[in-house]
Amino acid sequence: MSDTLSETILELCHAVGPAKSICPTDAAKAFAEKRGEDELGWRNHLSLVRRQAVALALEGRLVIYRKGKPVDPEDFRGVYRLGVPRAD
């Protein structure tokens, strides 16, 4: 079981594979559950998920998608999803 948010995000993304993506709330909920937090504790982690996703994307380990297309990790707004890089 992972104990860092980065590991949790990457585990979930790899579990769905490169053809799919996850919602940031999925990562926040999984992380909160691993920490034994109550059912609403995940909300406290949403901003951390975003920051960690940006860091992972800048390292090339993760892709941030908006409307199904990769976006610049340093310049995106609105609803987004997370996935592993696709081998196109």
PDB file of N, CA and C in Angstrom:
ATOM      1  N   MET A   1       0.847  -1.179   0.000  1.00  0.00           N
ATOM      2  CA  MET A   1       0.000   0.000   0.000  1.00  0.00           C
ATOM      3  C   MET A   1       0.891   1.240   0.000  1.00  0.00           C
ATOM      4  N   SER A   2       0.565   2.209  -0.814  1.00  0.00           N
ATOM      5  CA  SER A   2       1.389   3.405  -0.887  1.00  0.00           C
ATOM      6  C   SER A   2       1.053   4.338   0.262  1.00  0.00           C
ATOM      7  N   ASP A   3       2.032   5.162   0.628  1.00  0.00           N
ATOM      8  CA  ASP A   3       1.749   6.121   1.672  1.00  0.00           C
ATOM      9  C   ASP A   3       1.955   7.550   1.210  1.00  0.00           C
ATOM     10  N   THR A   4       2.290   7.759  -0.046  1.00  0.00           N
ATOM     11  CA  THR A   4       2.381   9.124  -0.538  1.00  0.00           C
ATOM     12  C   THR A   4       1.288   9.370  -1.568  1.00  0.00           C
ATOM     13  N   LEU A   5       0.931  10.619  -1.690  1.00  0.00           N
ATOM     14  CA  LEU A   5      -0.100  10.981  -2.652  1.00  0.00           C
ATOM     15  C   LEU A   5       0.348  10.680  -4.076  1.00  0.00           C
ATOM     16  N   SER A   6       1.602  10.937  -4.381  1.00  0.00           N
ATOM     17  CA  SER A   6       2.130  10.635  -5.724  1.00  0.00           C
ATOM     18  C   SER A   6       1.941   9.166  -6.061  1.00  0.00           C
ATOM     19  N   GLU A   7       2.295   8.300  -5.125  1.00  0.00           N
ATOM     20  CA  GLU A   7       2.160   6.863  -5.357  1.00  0.00           C
ATOM     21  C   GLU A   7       0.701   6.477  -5.559  1.00  0.00           C
ATOM     22  N   THR A   8      -0.185   7.072  -4.779  1.00  0.00           N
ATOM     23  CA  THR A   8      -1.610   6.779  -4.907  1.00  0.00           C
ATOM     24  C   THR A   8      -2.121   7.180  -6.287  1.00  0.00           C
ATOM     25  N   ILE A   9      -1.760   8.377  -6.735  1.00  0.00           N
ATOM     26  CA  ILE A   9      -2.191   8.853  -8.053  1.00  0.00           C
ATOM     27  C   ILE A   9      -1.681   7.920  -9.142  1.00  0.00           C
ATOM     28  N   LEU A  10      -0.399   7.595  -9.092  1.00  0.00           N
ATOM     29  CA  LEU A  10       0.190   6.740 -10.127  1.00  0.00           C
ATOM     30  C   LEU A  10      -0.393   5.331 -10.105  1.00  0.00           C
ATOM     31  N   GLU A  11      -0.631   4.779  -8.915  1.00  0.00           N
ATOM     32  CA  GLU A  11      -1.238   3.445  -8.810  1.00  0.00           C
ATOM     33  C   GLU A  11      -2.600   3.417  -9.499  1.00  0.00           C
ATOM     34  N   LEU A  12      -3.421   4.418  -9.217  1.00  0.00           N
ATOM     35  CA  LEU A  12      -4.760   4.465  -9.808  1.00  0.00           C
ATOM     36  C   LEU A  12      -4.693   4.632 -11.325  1.00  0.00           C
ATOM     37  N   CYS A  13      -3.805   5.486 -11.790  1.00  0.00           N
ATOM     38  CA  CYS A  13      -3.681   5.710 -13.240  1.00  0.00           C
ATOM     39  C   CYS A  13      -3.183   4.459 -13.955  1.00  0.00           C
ATOM     40  N   HIS A  14      -2.211   3.787 -13.372  1.00  0.00           N
ATOM     41  CA  HIS A  14      -1.700   2.562 -13.990  1.00  0.00           C
ATOM     42  C   HIS A  14      -2.745   1.447 -13.945  1.00  0.00           C
ATOM     43  N   ALA A  15      -3.579   1.448 -12.911  1.00  0.00           N
ATOM     44  CA  ALA A  15      -4.613   0.415 -12.789  1.00  0.00           C
ATOM     45  C   ALA A  15      -5.643   0.504 -13.917  1.00  0.00           C
ATOM     46  N   VAL A  16      -5.955   1.718 -14.381  1.00  0.00           N
ATOM     47  CA  VAL A  16      -6.935   1.850 -15.466  1.00  0.00           C
ATOM     48  C   VAL A  16      -6.278   1.769 -16.836  1.00  0.00           C
ATOM     49  N   GLY A  17      -4.965   1.916 -16.887  1.00  0.00           N
ATOM     50  CA  GLY A  17      -4.233   1.786 -18.145  1.00  0.00           C
ATOM     51  C   GLY A  17      -4.198   3.063 -18.961  1.00  0.00           C
ATOM     52  N   PRO A  18      -3.384   3.059 -20.013  1.00  0.00           N
ATOM     53  CA  PRO A  18      -3.185   4.273 -20.805  1.00  0.00           C
ATOM     54  C   PRO A  18      -4.386   4.696 -21.653  1.00  0.00           C
ATOM     55  N   ALA A  19      -5.337   3.819 -21.853  1.00  0.00           N
ATOM     56  CA  ALA A  19      -6.507   4.170 -22.666  1.00  0.00           C
ATOM     57  C   ALA A  19      -7.575   4.909 -21.864  1.00  0.00           C
ATOM     58  N   LYS A  20      -7.416   4.955 -20.545  1.00  0.00           N
ATOM     59  CA  LYS A  20      -8.411   5.589 -19.687  1.00  0.00           C
ATOM     60  C   LYS A  20      -7.737   6.579 -18.753  1.00  0.00           C
ATOM     61  N   SER A  21      -8.557   7.310 -18.017  1.00  0.00           N
ATOM     62  CA  SER A  21      -8.036   8.286 -17.069  1.00  0.00           C
ATOM     63  C   SER A  21      -8.868   8.233 -15.793  1.00  0.00           C
ATOM     64  N   ILE A  22      -8.369   8.896 -14.762  1.00  0.00           N
ATOM     65  CA  ILE A  22      -9.088   8.940 -13.489  1.00  0.00           C
ATOM     66  C   ILE A  22      -9.472  10.382 -13.172  1.00  0.00           C
ATOM     67  N   CYS A  23     -10.455  10.518 -12.336  1.00  0.00           N
ATOM     68  CA  CYS A  23     -10.876  11.821 -11.847  1.00  0.00           C
ATOM     69  C   CYS A  23     -10.008  12.165 -10.629  1.00  0.00           C
ATOM     70  N   PRO A  24      -9.620  13.421 -10.464  1.00  0.00           N
ATOM     71  CA  PRO A  24      -8.821  13.792  -9.293  1.00  0.00           C
ATOM     72  C   PRO A  24      -9.496  13.431  -7.970  1.00  0.00           C
ATOM     73  N   THR A  25     -10.823  13.433  -7.944  1.00  0.00           N
ATOM     74  CA  THR A  25     -11.511  13.063  -6.709  1.00  0.00           C
ATOM     75  C   THR A  25     -11.264  11.604  -6.348  1.00  0.00           C
ATOM     76  N   ASP A  26     -11.070  10.750  -7.357  1.00  0.00           N
ATOM     77  CA  ASP A  26     -10.751   9.341  -7.087  1.00  0.00           C
ATOM     78  C   ASP A  26      -9.443   9.238  -6.309  1.00  0.00           C
ATOM     79  N   ALA A  27      -8.457  10.028  -6.721  1.00  0.00           N
ATOM     80  CA  ALA A  27      -7.159  10.014  -6.047  1.00  0.00           C
ATOM     81  C   ALA A  27      -7.285  10.565  -4.632  1.00  0.00           C
ATOM     82  N   ALA A  28      -8.028  11.644  -4.469  1.00  0.00           N
ATOM     83  CA  ALA A  28      -8.210  12.241  -3.146  1.00  0.00           C
ATOM     84  C   ALA A  28      -8.928  11.274  -2.205  1.00  0.00           C
ATOM     85  N   LYS A  29      -9.952  10.597  -2.716  1.00  0.00           N
ATOM     86  CA  LYS A  29     -10.695   9.639  -1.892  1.00  0.00           C
ATOM     87  C   LYS A  29      -9.829   8.448  -1.497  1.00  0.00           C
ATOM     88  N   ALA A  30      -9.060   7.922  -2.441  1.00  0.00           N
ATOM     89  CA  ALA A  30      -8.195   6.777  -2.142  1.00  0.00           C
ATOM     90  C   ALA A  30      -7.128   7.158  -1.123  1.00  0.00           C
ATOM     91  N   PHE A  31      -6.561   8.339  -1.269  1.00  0.00           N
ATOM     92  CA  PHE A  31      -5.526   8.800  -0.349  1.00  0.00           C
ATOM     93  C   PHE A  31      -6.102   8.987   1.058  1.00  0.00           C
ATOM     94  N   ALA A  32      -7.269   9.603   1.149  1.00  0.00           N
ATOM     95  CA  ALA A  32      -7.909   9.809   2.449  1.00  0.00           C
ATOM     96  C   ALA A  32      -8.247   8.474   3.106  1.00  0.00           C
ATOM     97  N   GLU A  33      -8.714   7.523   2.307  1.00  0.00           N
ATOM     98  CA  GLU A  33      -9.050   6.201   2.843  1.00  0.00           C
ATOM     99  C   GLU A  33      -7.811   5.509   3.400  1.00  0.00           C
ATOM    100  N   LYS A  34      -6.696   5.603   2.680  1.00  0.00           N
ATOM    101  CA  LYS A  34      -5.453   4.982   3.150  1.00  0.00           C
ATOM    102  C   LYS A  34      -4.973   5.606   4.452  1.00  0.00           C
ATOM    103  N   ARG A  35      -5.319   6.867   4.650  1.00  0.00           N
ATOM    104  CA  ARG A  35      -4.919   7.567   5.872  1.00  0.00           C
ATOM    105  C   ARG A  35      -5.933   7.388   6.996  1.00  0.00           C
ATOM    106  N   GLY A  36      -7.012   6.654   6.723  1.00  0.00           N
ATOM    107  CA  GLY A  36      -8.015   6.384   7.743  1.00  0.00           C
ATOM    108  C   GLY A  36      -8.902   7.577   8.065  1.00  0.00           C
ATOM    109  N   GLU A  37      -9.056   8.480   7.114  1.00  0.00           N
ATOM    110  CA  GLU A  37      -9.867   9.670   7.348  1.00  0.00           C
ATOM    111  C   GLU A  37     -11.343   9.369   7.116  1.00  0.00           C
ATOM    112  N   ASP A  38     -12.204  10.246   7.639  1.00  0.00           N
ATOM    113  CA  ASP A  38     -13.642  10.031   7.473  1.00  0.00           C
ATOM    114  C   ASP A  38     -14.047  10.211   6.016  1.00  0.00           C
ATOM    115  N   GLU A  39     -15.300   9.910   5.720  1.00  0.00           N
ATOM    116  CA  GLU A  39     -15.746   9.867   4.326  1.00  0.00           C
ATOM    117  C   GLU A  39     -15.711  11.214   3.613  1.00  0.00           C
ATOM    118  N   LEU A  40     -15.629  12.314   4.322  1.00  0.00           N
ATOM    119  CA  LEU A  40     -15.534  13.624   3.676  1.00  0.00           C
ATOM    120  C   LEU A  40     -14.122  14.205   3.739  1.00  0.00           C
ATOM    121  N   GLY A  41     -13.204  13.498   4.377  1.00  0.00           N
ATOM    122  CA  GLY A  41     -11.834  13.984   4.511  1.00  0.00           C
ATOM    123  C   GLY A  41     -11.109  14.167   3.192  1.00  0.00           C
ATOM    124  N   TRP A  42     -11.558  13.449   2.163  1.00  0.00           N
ATOM    125  CA  TRP A  42     -10.898  13.535   0.855  1.00  0.00           C
ATOM    126  C   TRP A  42     -10.919  14.943   0.283  1.00  0.00           C
ATOM    127  N   ARG A  43     -11.921  15.719   0.622  1.00  0.00           N
ATOM    128  CA  ARG A  43     -12.039  17.076   0.074  1.00  0.00           C
ATOM    129  C   ARG A  43     -10.839  17.943   0.443  1.00  0.00           C
ATOM    130  N   ASN A  44     -10.258  17.666   1.591  1.00  0.00           N
ATOM    131  CA  ASN A  44      -9.088  18.430   2.030  1.00  0.00           C
ATOM    132  C   ASN A  44      -7.873  18.176   1.155  1.00  0.00           C
ATOM    133  N   HIS A  45      -7.904  17.130   0.356  1.00  0.00           N
ATOM    134  CA  HIS A  45      -6.738  16.748  -0.451  1.00  0.00           C
ATOM    135  C   HIS A  45      -6.832  17.170  -1.916  1.00  0.00           C
ATOM    136  N   LEU A  46      -7.925  17.773  -2.325  1.00  0.00           N
ATOM    137  CA  LEU A  46      -8.094  18.107  -3.745  1.00  0.00           C
ATOM    138  C   LEU A  46      -7.028  19.065  -4.268  1.00  0.00           C
ATOM    139  N   SER A  47      -6.696  20.090  -3.498  1.00  0.00           N
ATOM    140  CA  SER A  47      -5.663  21.026  -3.972  1.00  0.00           C
ATOM    141  C   SER A  47      -4.301  20.350  -3.995  1.00  0.00           C
ATOM    142  N   LEU A  48      -4.070  19.438  -3.055  1.00  0.00           N
ATOM    143  CA  LEU A  48      -2.807  18.685  -3.048  1.00  0.00           C
ATOM    144  C   LEU A  48      -2.717  17.755  -4.254  1.00  0.00           C
ATOM    145  N   VAL A  49      -3.840  17.149  -4.619  1.00  0.00           N
ATOM    146  CA  VAL A  49      -3.863  16.269  -5.795  1.00  0.00           C
ATOM    147  C   VAL A  49      -3.488  17.072  -7.032  1.00  0.00           C
ATOM    148  N   ARG A  50      -4.057  18.250  -7.163  1.00  0.00           N
ATOM    149  CA  ARG A  50      -3.752  19.089  -8.328  1.00  0.00           C
ATOM    150  C   ARG A  50      -2.266  19.445  -8.366  1.00  0.00           C
ATOM    151  N   ARG A  51      -1.725  19.892  -7.245  1.00  0.00           N
ATOM    152  CA  ARG A  51      -0.300  20.265  -7.203  1.00  0.00           C
ATOM    153  C   ARG A  51       0.595  19.071  -7.506  1.00  0.00           C
ATOM    154  N   GLN A  52       0.259  17.926  -6.949  1.00  0.00           N
ATOM    155  CA  GLN A  52       1.072  16.736  -7.181  1.00  0.00           C
ATOM    156  C   GLN A  52       0.941  16.259  -8.618  1.00  0.00           C
ATOM    157  N   ALA A  53      -0.247  16.368  -9.188  1.00  0.00           N
ATOM    158  CA  ALA A  53      -0.455  15.985 -10.587  1.00  0.00           C
ATOM    159  C   ALA A  53       0.380  16.865 -11.509  1.00  0.00           C
ATOM    160  N   VAL A  54       0.431  18.150 -11.223  1.00  0.00           N
ATOM    161  CA  VAL A  54       1.249  19.066 -12.026  1.00  0.00           C
ATOM    162  C   VAL A  54       2.714  18.656 -11.939  1.00  0.00           C
ATOM    163  N   ALA A  55       3.190  18.371 -10.728  1.00  0.00           N
ATOM    164  CA  ALA A  55       4.588  17.962 -10.551  1.00  0.00           C
ATOM    165  C   ALA A  55       4.883  16.671 -11.313  1.00  0.00           C
ATOM    166  N   LEU A  56       3.993  15.695 -11.219  1.00  0.00           N
ATOM    167  CA  LEU A  56       4.186  14.426 -11.929  1.00  0.00           C
ATOM    168  C   LEU A  56       4.139  14.622 -13.442  1.00  0.00           C
ATOM    169  N   ALA A  57       3.278  15.509 -13.905  1.00  0.00           N
ATOM    170  CA  ALA A  57       3.184  15.783 -15.344  1.00  0.00           C
ATOM    171  C   ALA A  57       4.462  16.456 -15.842  1.00  0.00           C
ATOM    172  N   LEU A  58       5.002  17.362 -15.063  1.00  0.00           N
ATOM    173  CA  LEU A  58       6.245  18.031 -15.453  1.00  0.00           C
ATOM    174  C   LEU A  58       7.416  17.049 -15.508  1.00  0.00           C
ATOM    175  N   GLU A  59       7.340  15.986 -14.712  1.00  0.00           N
ATOM    176  CA  GLU A  59       8.364  14.929 -14.738  1.00  0.00           C
ATOM    177  C   GLU A  59       8.129  13.942 -15.877  1.00  0.00           C
ATOM    178  N   GLY A  60       6.985  14.039 -16.544  1.00  0.00           N
ATOM    179  CA  GLY A  60       6.658  13.127 -17.637  1.00  0.00           C
ATOM    180  C   GLY A  60       6.069  11.804 -17.190  1.00  0.00           C
ATOM    181  N   ARG A  61       5.677  11.703 -15.931  1.00  0.00           N
ATOM    182  CA  ARG A  61       5.146  10.456 -15.389  1.00  0.00           C
ATOM    183  C   ARG A  61       3.625  10.382 -15.445  1.00  0.00           C
ATOM    184  N   LEU A  62       2.988  11.504 -15.799  1.00  0.00           N
ATOM    185  CA  LEU A  62       1.541  11.612 -15.773  1.00  0.00           C
ATOM    186  C   LEU A  62       1.119  12.603 -16.852  1.00  0.00           C
ATOM    187  N   VAL A  63      -0.098  12.448 -17.344  1.00  0.00           N
ATOM    188  CA  VAL A  63      -0.649  13.404 -18.306  1.00  0.00           C
ATOM    189  C   VAL A  63      -1.935  13.965 -17.715  1.00  0.00           C
ATOM    190  N   ILE A  64      -2.097  15.267 -17.839  1.00  0.00           N
ATOM    191  CA  ILE A  64      -3.323  15.922 -17.402  1.00  0.00           C
ATOM    192  C   ILE A  64      -4.169  16.162 -18.648  1.00  0.00           C
ATOM    193  N   TYR A  65      -5.412  15.701 -18.596  1.00  0.00           N
ATOM    194  CA  TYR A  65      -6.319  15.809 -19.736  1.00  0.00           C
ATOM    195  C   TYR A  65      -7.465  16.766 -19.420  1.00  0.00           C
ATOM    196  N   ARG A  66      -7.850  17.512 -20.432  1.00  0.00           N
ATOM    197  CA  ARG A  66      -9.049  18.346 -20.356  1.00  0.00           C
ATOM    198  C   ARG A  66      -9.814  18.108 -21.647  1.00  0.00           C
ATOM    199  N   LYS A  67     -11.059  17.708 -21.514  1.00  0.00           N
ATOM    200  CA  LYS A  67     -11.892  17.362 -22.676  1.00  0.00           C
ATOM    201  C   LYS A  67     -11.215  16.308 -23.545  1.00  0.00           C
ATOM    202  N   GLY A  68     -10.534  15.360 -22.892  1.00  0.00           N
ATOM    203  CA  GLY A  68      -9.916  14.237 -23.591  1.00  0.00           C
ATOM    204  C   GLY A  68      -8.590  14.526 -24.260  1.00  0.00           C
ATOM    205  N   LYS A  69      -8.080  15.747 -24.106  1.00  0.00           N
ATOM    206  CA  LYS A  69      -6.819  16.112 -24.753  1.00  0.00           C
ATOM    207  C   LYS A  69      -5.793  16.535 -23.720  1.00  0.00           C
ATOM    208  N   PRO A  70      -4.519  16.182 -23.941  1.00  0.00           N
ATOM    209  CA  PRO A  70      -3.473  16.604 -23.009  1.00  0.00           C
ATOM    210  C   PRO A  70      -3.381  18.132 -22.950  1.00  0.00           C
ATOM    211  N   VAL A  71      -3.131  18.640 -21.762  1.00  0.00           N
ATOM    212  CA  VAL A  71      -2.988  20.084 -21.576  1.00  0.00           C
ATOM    213  C   VAL A  71      -1.643  20.407 -20.945  1.00  0.00           C
ATOM    214  N   ASP A  72      -1.261  21.659 -21.057  1.00  0.00           N
ATOM    215  CA  ASP A  72      -0.042  22.148 -20.415  1.00  0.00           C
ATOM    216  C   ASP A  72      -0.258  22.087 -18.905  1.00  0.00           C
ATOM    217  N   PRO A  73       0.569  21.345 -18.176  1.00  0.00           N
ATOM    218  CA  PRO A  73       0.351  21.200 -16.738  1.00  0.00           C
ATOM    219  C   PRO A  73       0.468  22.510 -15.957  1.00  0.00           C
ATOM    220  N   GLU A  74       1.126  23.486 -16.537  1.00  0.00           N
ATOM    221  CA  GLU A  74       1.280  24.757 -15.836  1.00  0.00           C
ATOM    222  C   GLU A  74       0.229  25.788 -16.242  1.00  0.00           C
ATOM    223  N   ASP A  75      -0.670  25.411 -17.155  1.00  0.00           N
ATOM    224  CA  ASP A  75      -1.644  26.383 -17.634  1.00  0.00           C
ATOM    225  C   ASP A  75      -2.946  25.697 -18.054  1.00  0.00           C
ATOM    226  N   PHE A  76      -3.723  25.249 -17.075  1.00  0.00           N
ATOM    227  CA  PHE A  76      -5.029  24.658 -17.378  1.00  0.00           C
ATOM    228  C   PHE A  76      -6.024  25.066 -16.306  1.00  0.00           C
ATOM    229  N   ARG A  77      -7.272  25.077 -16.704  1.00  0.00           N
ATOM    230  CA  ARG A  77      -8.345  25.452 -15.788  1.00  0.00           C
ATOM    231  C   ARG A  77      -9.509  24.487 -15.953  1.00  0.00           C
ATOM    232  N   GLY A  78     -10.345  24.472 -14.947  1.00  0.00           N
ATOM    233  CA  GLY A  78     -11.579  23.702 -15.041  1.00  0.00           C
ATOM    234  C   GLY A  78     -11.417  22.227 -14.734  1.00  0.00           C
ATOM    235  N   VAL A  79     -12.382  21.469 -15.211  1.00  0.00           N
ATOM    236  CA  VAL A  79     -12.442  20.031 -14.961  1.00  0.00           C
ATOM    237  C   VAL A  79     -11.312  19.346 -15.719  1.00  0.00           C
ATOM    238  N   TYR A  80     -10.623  18.444 -15.046  1.00  0.00           N
ATOM    239  CA  TYR A  80      -9.505  17.733 -15.671  1.00  0.00           C
ATOM    240  C   TYR A  80      -9.484  16.294 -15.191  1.00  0.00           C
ATOM    241  N   ARG A  81      -8.725  15.476 -15.900  1.00  0.00           N
ATOM    242  CA  ARG A  81      -8.553  14.067 -15.545  1.00  0.00           C
ATOM    243  C   ARG A  81      -7.074  13.737 -15.605  1.00  0.00           C
ATOM    244  N   LEU A  82      -6.709  12.619 -15.020  1.00  0.00           N
ATOM    245  CA  LEU A  82      -5.309  12.212 -14.932  1.00  0.00           C
ATOM    246  C   LEU A  82      -5.116  10.839 -15.555  1.00  0.00           C
ATOM    247  N   GLY A  83      -4.009  10.674 -16.254  1.00  0.00           N
ATOM    248  CA  GLY A  83      -3.716   9.385 -16.866  1.00  0.00           C
ATOM    249  C   GLY A  83      -2.233   9.192 -17.079  1.00  0.00           C
ATOM    250  N   VAL A  84      -1.873   7.968 -17.400  1.00  0.00           N
ATOM    251  CA  VAL A  84      -0.469   7.682 -17.716  1.00  0.00           C
ATOM    252  C   VAL A  84      -0.222   8.079 -19.171  1.00  0.00           C
ATOM    253  N   PRO A  85       1.015   8.415 -19.503  1.00  0.00           N
ATOM    254  CA  PRO A  85       1.311   8.781 -20.893  1.00  0.00           C
ATOM    255  C   PRO A  85       0.975   7.640 -21.848  1.00  0.00           C
ATOM    256  N   ARG A  86       0.382   7.986 -22.965  1.00  0.00           N
ATOM    257  CA  ARG A  86       0.027   7.003 -23.988  1.00  0.00           C
ATOM    258  C   ARG A  86       1.192   6.836 -24.945  1.00  0.00           C
ATOM    259  N   ALA A  87       1.417   5.621 -25.376  1.00  0.00           N
ATOM    260  CA  ALA A  87       2.476   5.342 -26.352  1.00  0.00           C
ATOM    261  C   ALA A  87       1.877   5.456 -27.747  1.00  0.00           C
ATOM    262  N   ASP A  88       1.788   6.681 -28.257  1.00  0.00           N
ATOM    263  CA  ASP A  88       1.193   6.910 -29.587  1.00  0.00           C
ATOM    264  C   ASP A  88       2.226   6.817 -30.678  1.00  0.00           C
TER     265      ASP A  88
END
